[in-house]
Amino acid sequence: ELLCDEDKNAYDPNCASLPCPVDFEAEEL
C-alpha cells in the first residue's frame, strides 16, 4: 500500500528527483 501513496511512503517532492510511482504493484514476498 505504500508504493503509490505519497503520504504513506513519506514522499518529499522537495528532496526527490523521481516522481512517486503510479499503478505500481510488486510481487509479494
PDB file of all heavy atoms in Angstrom:
ATOM      1  N   GLU A   1       0.810  -1.220   0.000  1.00  0.00           N
ATOM      2  CA  GLU A   1       0.000   0.000   0.000  1.00  0.00           C
ATOM      3  C   GLU A   1       0.844   1.270   0.000  1.00  0.00           C
ATOM      4  O   GLU A   1       0.356   2.347  -0.321  1.00  0.00           O
ATOM      5  CB  GLU A   1      -0.936   0.010   1.204  1.00  0.00           C
ATOM      6  CG  GLU A   1      -0.218   0.040   2.545  1.00  0.00           C
ATOM      7  CD  GLU A   1      -1.163   0.222   3.724  1.00  0.00           C
ATOM      8  OE1 GLU A   1      -2.284   0.721   3.513  1.00  0.00           O
ATOM      9  OE2 GLU A   1      -0.764  -0.128   4.848  1.00  0.00           O
ATOM     10  N   LEU A   2       2.111   1.168   0.362  1.00  0.00           N
ATOM     11  CA  LEU A   2       2.967   2.352   0.420  1.00  0.00           C
ATOM     12  C   LEU A   2       3.436   2.806  -0.956  1.00  0.00           C
ATOM     13  O   LEU A   2       3.748   3.984  -1.149  1.00  0.00           O
ATOM     14  CB  LEU A   2       4.199   2.082   1.293  1.00  0.00           C
ATOM     15  CG  LEU A   2       4.058   2.296   2.803  1.00  0.00           C
ATOM     16  CD1 LEU A   2       3.053   1.336   3.408  1.00  0.00           C
ATOM     17  CD2 LEU A   2       5.419   2.161   3.485  1.00  0.00           C
ATOM     18  N   LEU A   3       3.523   1.900  -1.906  1.00  0.00           N
ATOM     19  CA  LEU A   3       4.270   2.158  -3.135  1.00  0.00           C
ATOM     20  C   LEU A   3       3.767   3.367  -3.915  1.00  0.00           C
ATOM     21  O   LEU A   3       4.577   4.114  -4.474  1.00  0.00           O
ATOM     22  CB  LEU A   3       4.269   0.909  -4.021  1.00  0.00           C
ATOM     23  CG  LEU A   3       4.907  -0.340  -3.414  1.00  0.00           C
ATOM     24  CD1 LEU A   3       4.863  -1.495  -4.409  1.00  0.00           C
ATOM     25  CD2 LEU A   3       6.338  -0.069  -2.961  1.00  0.00           C
ATOM     26  N   CYS A   4       2.454   3.568  -3.967  1.00  0.00           N
ATOM     27  CA  CYS A   4       1.897   4.660  -4.767  1.00  0.00           C
ATOM     28  C   CYS A   4       1.225   5.737  -3.925  1.00  0.00           C
ATOM     29  O   CYS A   4       0.547   6.618  -4.469  1.00  0.00           O
ATOM     30  CB  CYS A   4       0.892   4.104  -5.779  1.00  0.00           C
ATOM     31  SG  CYS A   4       1.597   2.916  -6.930  1.00  0.00           S
ATOM     32  N   ASP A   5       1.407   5.686  -2.616  1.00  0.00           N
ATOM     33  CA  ASP A   5       0.754   6.628  -1.714  1.00  0.00           C
ATOM     34  C   ASP A   5       1.798   7.566  -1.104  1.00  0.00           C
ATOM     35  O   ASP A   5       2.592   7.147  -0.258  1.00  0.00           O
ATOM     36  CB  ASP A   5       0.020   5.853  -0.614  1.00  0.00           C
ATOM     37  CG  ASP A   5      -0.892   6.742   0.217  1.00  0.00           C
ATOM     38  OD1 ASP A   5      -0.453   7.841   0.620  1.00  0.00           O
ATOM     39  OD2 ASP A   5      -2.034   6.326   0.500  1.00  0.00           O
ATOM     40  N   GLU A   6       1.789   8.836  -1.524  1.00  0.00           N
ATOM     41  CA  GLU A   6       2.808   9.783  -1.095  1.00  0.00           C
ATOM     42  C   GLU A   6       2.806  10.000   0.418  1.00  0.00           C
ATOM     43  O   GLU A   6       3.857  10.230   1.019  1.00  0.00           O
ATOM     44  CB  GLU A   6       2.619  11.125  -1.810  1.00  0.00           C
ATOM     45  CG  GLU A   6       2.863  11.053  -3.306  1.00  0.00           C
ATOM     46  CD  GLU A   6       2.823  12.422  -3.953  1.00  0.00           C
ATOM     47  OE1 GLU A   6       2.789  13.442  -3.215  1.00  0.00           O
ATOM     48  OE2 GLU A   6       2.842  12.480  -5.198  1.00  0.00           O
ATOM     49  N   ASP A   7       1.640   9.952   1.029  1.00  0.00           N
ATOM     50  CA  ASP A   7       1.574  10.145   2.477  1.00  0.00           C
ATOM     51  C   ASP A   7       2.165   8.955   3.222  1.00  0.00           C
ATOM     52  O   ASP A   7       2.919   9.120   4.187  1.00  0.00           O
ATOM     53  CB  ASP A   7       0.127  10.370   2.921  1.00  0.00           C
ATOM     54  CG  ASP A   7      -0.434  11.689   2.414  1.00  0.00           C
ATOM     55  OD1 ASP A   7       0.347  12.650   2.296  1.00  0.00           O
ATOM     56  OD2 ASP A   7      -1.640  11.752   2.129  1.00  0.00           O
ATOM     57  N   LYS A   8       1.850   7.762   2.754  1.00  0.00           N
ATOM     58  CA  LYS A   8       2.303   6.564   3.450  1.00  0.00           C
ATOM     59  C   LYS A   8       3.766   6.243   3.185  1.00  0.00           C
ATOM     60  O   LYS A   8       4.445   5.665   4.042  1.00  0.00           O
ATOM     61  CB  LYS A   8       1.421   5.370   3.080  1.00  0.00           C
ATOM     62  CG  LYS A   8      -0.010   5.511   3.587  1.00  0.00           C
ATOM     63  CD  LYS A   8      -0.876   4.341   3.162  1.00  0.00           C
ATOM     64  CE  LYS A   8      -2.301   4.514   3.688  1.00  0.00           C
ATOM     65  NZ  LYS A   8      -3.197   3.411   3.258  1.00  0.00           N
ATOM     66  N   ASN A   9       4.285   6.585   2.002  1.00  0.00           N
ATOM     67  CA  ASN A   9       5.689   6.262   1.706  1.00  0.00           C
ATOM     68  C   ASN A   9       6.635   7.423   2.001  1.00  0.00           C
ATOM     69  O   ASN A   9       7.819   7.359   1.681  1.00  0.00           O
ATOM     70  CB  ASN A   9       5.870   5.764   0.265  1.00  0.00           C
ATOM     71  CG  ASN A   9       5.572   6.807  -0.803  1.00  0.00           C
ATOM     72  OD1 ASN A   9       5.807   8.002  -0.624  1.00  0.00           O
ATOM     73  ND2 ASN A   9       5.055   6.353  -1.947  1.00  0.00           N
ATOM     74  N   ALA A  10       6.099   8.488   2.642  1.00  0.00           N
ATOM     75  CA  ALA A  10       6.903   9.629   3.093  1.00  0.00           C
ATOM     76  C   ALA A  10       7.549  10.397   1.939  1.00  0.00           C
ATOM     77  O   ALA A  10       8.592  11.033   2.114  1.00  0.00           O
ATOM     78  CB  ALA A  10       7.970   9.185   4.095  1.00  0.00           C
ATOM     79  N   TYR A  11       6.918  10.373   0.772  1.00  0.00           N
ATOM     80  CA  TYR A  11       7.460  11.068  -0.396  1.00  0.00           C
ATOM     81  C   TYR A  11       7.601  12.559  -0.121  1.00  0.00           C
ATOM     82  O   TYR A  11       6.686  13.211   0.389  1.00  0.00           O
ATOM     83  CB  TYR A  11       6.545  10.850  -1.600  1.00  0.00           C
ATOM     84  CG  TYR A  11       7.055  11.446  -2.880  1.00  0.00           C
ATOM     85  CD1 TYR A  11       8.016  10.776  -3.632  1.00  0.00           C
ATOM     86  CD2 TYR A  11       6.587  12.669  -3.351  1.00  0.00           C
ATOM     87  CE1 TYR A  11       8.492  11.315  -4.818  1.00  0.00           C
ATOM     88  CE2 TYR A  11       7.057  13.215  -4.536  1.00  0.00           C
ATOM     89  CZ  TYR A  11       8.019  12.530  -5.262  1.00  0.00           C
ATOM     90  OH  TYR A  11       8.498  13.060  -6.439  1.00  0.00           O
ATOM     91  N   ASP A  12       8.763  13.093  -0.454  1.00  0.00           N
ATOM     92  CA  ASP A  12       9.037  14.516  -0.250  1.00  0.00           C
ATOM     93  C   ASP A  12       9.422  15.127  -1.591  1.00  0.00           C
ATOM     94  O   ASP A  12      10.546  14.927  -2.074  1.00  0.00           O
ATOM     95  CB  ASP A  12      10.172  14.696   0.760  1.00  0.00           C
ATOM     96  CG  ASP A  12      10.412  16.157   1.116  1.00  0.00           C
ATOM     97  OD1 ASP A  12       9.909  17.042   0.392  1.00  0.00           O
ATOM     98  OD2 ASP A  12      11.119  16.410   2.110  1.00  0.00           O
ATOM     99  N   PRO A  13       8.531  15.882  -2.226  1.00  0.00           N
ATOM    100  CA  PRO A  13       8.836  16.461  -3.536  1.00  0.00           C
ATOM    101  C   PRO A  13       9.978  17.463  -3.505  1.00  0.00           C
ATOM    102  O   PRO A  13      10.580  17.756  -4.545  1.00  0.00           O
ATOM    103  CB  PRO A  13       7.513  17.128  -3.939  1.00  0.00           C
ATOM    104  CG  PRO A  13       6.808  17.386  -2.652  1.00  0.00           C
ATOM    105  CD  PRO A  13       7.193  16.263  -1.744  1.00  0.00           C
ATOM    106  N   ASN A  14      10.296  17.982  -2.336  1.00  0.00           N
ATOM    107  CA  ASN A  14      11.406  18.926  -2.230  1.00  0.00           C
ATOM    108  C   ASN A  14      12.755  18.223  -2.239  1.00  0.00           C
ATOM    109  O   ASN A  14      13.790  18.873  -2.449  1.00  0.00           O
ATOM    110  CB  ASN A  14      11.269  19.745  -0.943  1.00  0.00           C
ATOM    111  CG  ASN A  14      10.034  20.618  -0.938  1.00  0.00           C
ATOM    112  OD1 ASN A  14       9.758  21.308  -1.906  1.00  0.00           O
ATOM    113  ND2 ASN A  14       9.282  20.570   0.157  1.00  0.00           N
ATOM    114  N   CYS A  15      12.757  16.923  -2.002  1.00  0.00           N
ATOM    115  CA  CYS A  15      14.004  16.147  -1.958  1.00  0.00           C
ATOM    116  C   CYS A  15      14.133  15.165  -3.121  1.00  0.00           C
ATOM    117  O   CYS A  15      15.247  14.830  -3.520  1.00  0.00           O
ATOM    118  CB  CYS A  15      14.101  15.363  -0.644  1.00  0.00           C
ATOM    119  SG  CYS A  15      14.225  16.390   0.820  1.00  0.00           S
ATOM    120  N   ALA A  16      13.012  14.714  -3.637  1.00  0.00           N
ATOM    121  CA  ALA A  16      13.034  13.648  -4.629  1.00  0.00           C
ATOM    122  C   ALA A  16      13.246  14.189  -6.041  1.00  0.00           C
ATOM    123  O   ALA A  16      12.714  15.235  -6.403  1.00  0.00           O
ATOM    124  CB  ALA A  16      11.740  12.862  -4.565  1.00  0.00           C
ATOM    125  N   SER A  17      14.014  13.461  -6.843  1.00  0.00           N
ATOM    126  CA  SER A  17      14.186  13.810  -8.252  1.00  0.00           C
ATOM    127  C   SER A  17      13.271  12.991  -9.152  1.00  0.00           C
ATOM    128  O   SER A  17      12.964  13.408 -10.271  1.00  0.00           O
ATOM    129  CB  SER A  17      15.643  13.608  -8.674  1.00  0.00           C
ATOM    130  OG  SER A  17      16.031  12.249  -8.536  1.00  0.00           O
ATOM    131  N   LEU A  18      12.821  11.838  -8.673  1.00  0.00           N
ATOM    132  CA  LEU A  18      11.912  10.984  -9.428  1.00  0.00           C
ATOM    133  C   LEU A  18      10.499  11.134  -8.882  1.00  0.00           C
ATOM    134  O   LEU A  18      10.301  11.409  -7.699  1.00  0.00           O
ATOM    135  CB  LEU A  18      12.342   9.517  -9.322  1.00  0.00           C
ATOM    136  CG  LEU A  18      13.679   9.137  -9.968  1.00  0.00           C
ATOM    137  CD1 LEU A  18      14.077   7.718  -9.584  1.00  0.00           C
ATOM    138  CD2 LEU A  18      13.590   9.268 -11.482  1.00  0.00           C
ATOM    139  N   PRO A  19       9.483  10.957  -9.730  1.00  0.00           N
ATOM    140  CA  PRO A  19       8.101  11.076  -9.259  1.00  0.00           C
ATOM    141  C   PRO A  19       7.688   9.872  -8.421  1.00  0.00           C
ATOM    142  O   PRO A  19       8.279   8.789  -8.522  1.00  0.00           O
ATOM    143  CB  PRO A  19       7.300  11.143 -10.561  1.00  0.00           C
ATOM    144  CG  PRO A  19       8.133  10.385 -11.550  1.00  0.00           C
ATOM    145  CD  PRO A  19       9.561  10.692 -11.185  1.00  0.00           C
ATOM    146  N   CYS A  20       6.673  10.062  -7.617  1.00  0.00           N
ATOM    147  CA  CYS A  20       6.100   8.944  -6.884  1.00  0.00           C
ATOM    148  C   CYS A  20       5.464   7.976  -7.887  1.00  0.00           C
ATOM    149  O   CYS A  20       4.827   8.409  -8.852  1.00  0.00           O
ATOM    150  CB  CYS A  20       5.054   9.442  -5.896  1.00  0.00           C
ATOM    151  SG  CYS A  20       4.382   8.175  -4.805  1.00  0.00           S
ATOM    152  N   PRO A  21       5.631   6.682  -7.712  1.00  0.00           N
ATOM    153  CA  PRO A  21       5.061   5.718  -8.666  1.00  0.00           C
ATOM    154  C   PRO A  21       3.540   5.820  -8.770  1.00  0.00           C
ATOM    155  O   PRO A  21       2.854   6.210  -7.824  1.00  0.00           O
ATOM    156  CB  PRO A  21       5.474   4.358  -8.080  1.00  0.00           C
ATOM    157  CG  PRO A  21       6.648   4.646  -7.225  1.00  0.00           C
ATOM    158  CD  PRO A  21       6.416   6.019  -6.662  1.00  0.00           C
ATOM    159  N   VAL A  22       3.049   5.432  -9.944  1.00  0.00           N
ATOM    160  CA  VAL A  22       1.614   5.341 -10.208  1.00  0.00           C
ATOM    161  C   VAL A  22       1.340   3.957 -10.785  1.00  0.00           C
ATOM    162  O   VAL A  22       2.112   3.451 -11.610  1.00  0.00           O
ATOM    163  CB  VAL A  22       1.162   6.434 -11.203  1.00  0.00           C
ATOM    164  CG1 VAL A  22      -0.314   6.266 -11.548  1.00  0.00           C
ATOM    165  CG2 VAL A  22       1.432   7.825 -10.637  1.00  0.00           C
ATOM    166  N   ASP A  23       0.276   3.329 -10.331  1.00  0.00           N
ATOM    167  CA  ASP A  23      -0.085   1.991 -10.829  1.00  0.00           C
ATOM    168  C   ASP A  23       1.086   1.018 -10.715  1.00  0.00           C
ATOM    169  O   ASP A  23       1.413   0.288 -11.647  1.00  0.00           O
ATOM    170  CB  ASP A  23      -0.552   2.061 -12.291  1.00  0.00           C
ATOM    171  CG  ASP A  23      -1.804   2.906 -12.446  1.00  0.00           C
ATOM    172  OD1 ASP A  23      -2.639   2.882 -11.540  1.00  0.00           O
ATOM    173  OD2 ASP A  23      -1.929   3.580 -13.486  1.00  0.00           O
ATOM    174  N   PHE A  24       1.711   1.033  -9.564  1.00  0.00           N
ATOM    175  CA  PHE A  24       2.881   0.178  -9.312  1.00  0.00           C
ATOM    176  C   PHE A  24       2.483  -0.893  -8.307  1.00  0.00           C
ATOM    177  O   PHE A  24       2.195  -0.610  -7.153  1.00  0.00           O
ATOM    178  CB  PHE A  24       4.022   1.027  -8.762  1.00  0.00           C
ATOM    179  CG  PHE A  24       5.299   0.289  -8.479  1.00  0.00           C
ATOM    180  CD1 PHE A  24       5.632  -0.870  -9.153  1.00  0.00           C
ATOM    181  CD2 PHE A  24       6.184   0.770  -7.528  1.00  0.00           C
ATOM    182  CE1 PHE A  24       6.819  -1.534  -8.898  1.00  0.00           C
ATOM    183  CE2 PHE A  24       7.376   0.115  -7.256  1.00  0.00           C
ATOM    184  CZ  PHE A  24       7.683  -1.036  -7.941  1.00  0.00           C
ATOM    185  N   GLU A  25       2.474  -2.136  -8.765  1.00  0.00           N
ATOM    186  CA  GLU A  25       2.136  -3.254  -7.891  1.00  0.00           C
ATOM    187  C   GLU A  25       3.236  -4.303  -7.998  1.00  0.00           C
ATOM    188  O   GLU A  25       3.490  -4.854  -9.071  1.00  0.00           O
ATOM    189  CB  GLU A  25       0.787  -3.862  -8.253  1.00  0.00           C
ATOM    190  CG  GLU A  25       0.325  -4.908  -7.259  1.00  0.00           C
ATOM    191  CD  GLU A  25      -1.119  -5.322  -7.483  1.00  0.00           C
ATOM    192  OE1 GLU A  25      -1.846  -4.621  -8.194  1.00  0.00           O
ATOM    193  OE2 GLU A  25      -1.509  -6.377  -6.943  1.00  0.00           O
ATOM    194  N   ALA A  26       3.903  -4.562  -6.887  1.00  0.00           N
ATOM    195  CA  ALA A  26       5.017  -5.505  -6.872  1.00  0.00           C
ATOM    196  C   ALA A  26       4.533  -6.908  -6.527  1.00  0.00           C
ATOM    197  O   ALA A  26       3.420  -7.106  -6.031  1.00  0.00           O
ATOM    198  CB  ALA A  26       6.065  -5.049  -5.861  1.00  0.00           C
ATOM    199  N   GLU A  27       5.401  -7.879  -6.792  1.00  0.00           N
ATOM    200  CA  GLU A  27       5.132  -9.253  -6.369  1.00  0.00           C
ATOM    201  C   GLU A  27       5.262  -9.341  -4.855  1.00  0.00           C
ATOM    202  O   GLU A  27       6.066  -8.621  -4.247  1.00  0.00           O
ATOM    203  CB  GLU A  27       6.128 -10.211  -7.029  1.00  0.00           C
ATOM    204  CG  GLU A  27       6.135 -10.178  -8.544  1.00  0.00           C
ATOM    205  CD  GLU A  27       4.887 -10.779  -9.144  1.00  0.00           C
ATOM    206  OE1 GLU A  27       4.299 -11.674  -8.512  1.00  0.00           O
ATOM    207  OE2 GLU A  27       4.492 -10.335 -10.246  1.00  0.00           O
ATOM    208  N   GLU A  28       4.492 -10.231  -4.242  1.00  0.00           N
ATOM    209  CA  GLU A  28       4.523 -10.356  -2.796  1.00  0.00           C
ATOM    210  C   GLU A  28       5.582 -11.363  -2.354  1.00  0.00           C
ATOM    211  O   GLU A  28       5.678 -12.463  -2.897  1.00  0.00           O
ATOM    212  CB  GLU A  28       3.140 -10.781  -2.271  1.00  0.00           C
ATOM    213  CG  GLU A  28       2.086  -9.707  -2.463  1.00  0.00           C
ATOM    214  CD  GLU A  28       0.767 -10.045  -1.787  1.00  0.00           C
ATOM    215  OE1 GLU A  28       0.624 -11.191  -1.305  1.00  0.00           O
ATOM    216  OE2 GLU A  28      -0.091  -9.167  -1.728  1.00  0.00           O
ATOM    217  N   LEU A  29       6.355 -10.959  -1.367  1.00  0.00           N
ATOM    218  CA  LEU A  29       7.396 -11.816  -0.821  1.00  0.00           C
ATOM    219  C   LEU A  29       6.803 -12.937   0.021  1.00  0.00           C
ATOM    220  O   LEU A  29       5.795 -12.755   0.706  1.00  0.00           O
ATOM    221  CB  LEU A  29       8.347 -10.999   0.053  1.00  0.00           C
ATOM    222  CG  LEU A  29       9.314 -10.070  -0.658  1.00  0.00           C
ATOM    223  CD1 LEU A  29       9.888  -9.070   0.335  1.00  0.00           C
ATOM    224  CD2 LEU A  29      10.434 -10.863  -1.322  1.00  0.00           C
TER     225      LEU A  29
END
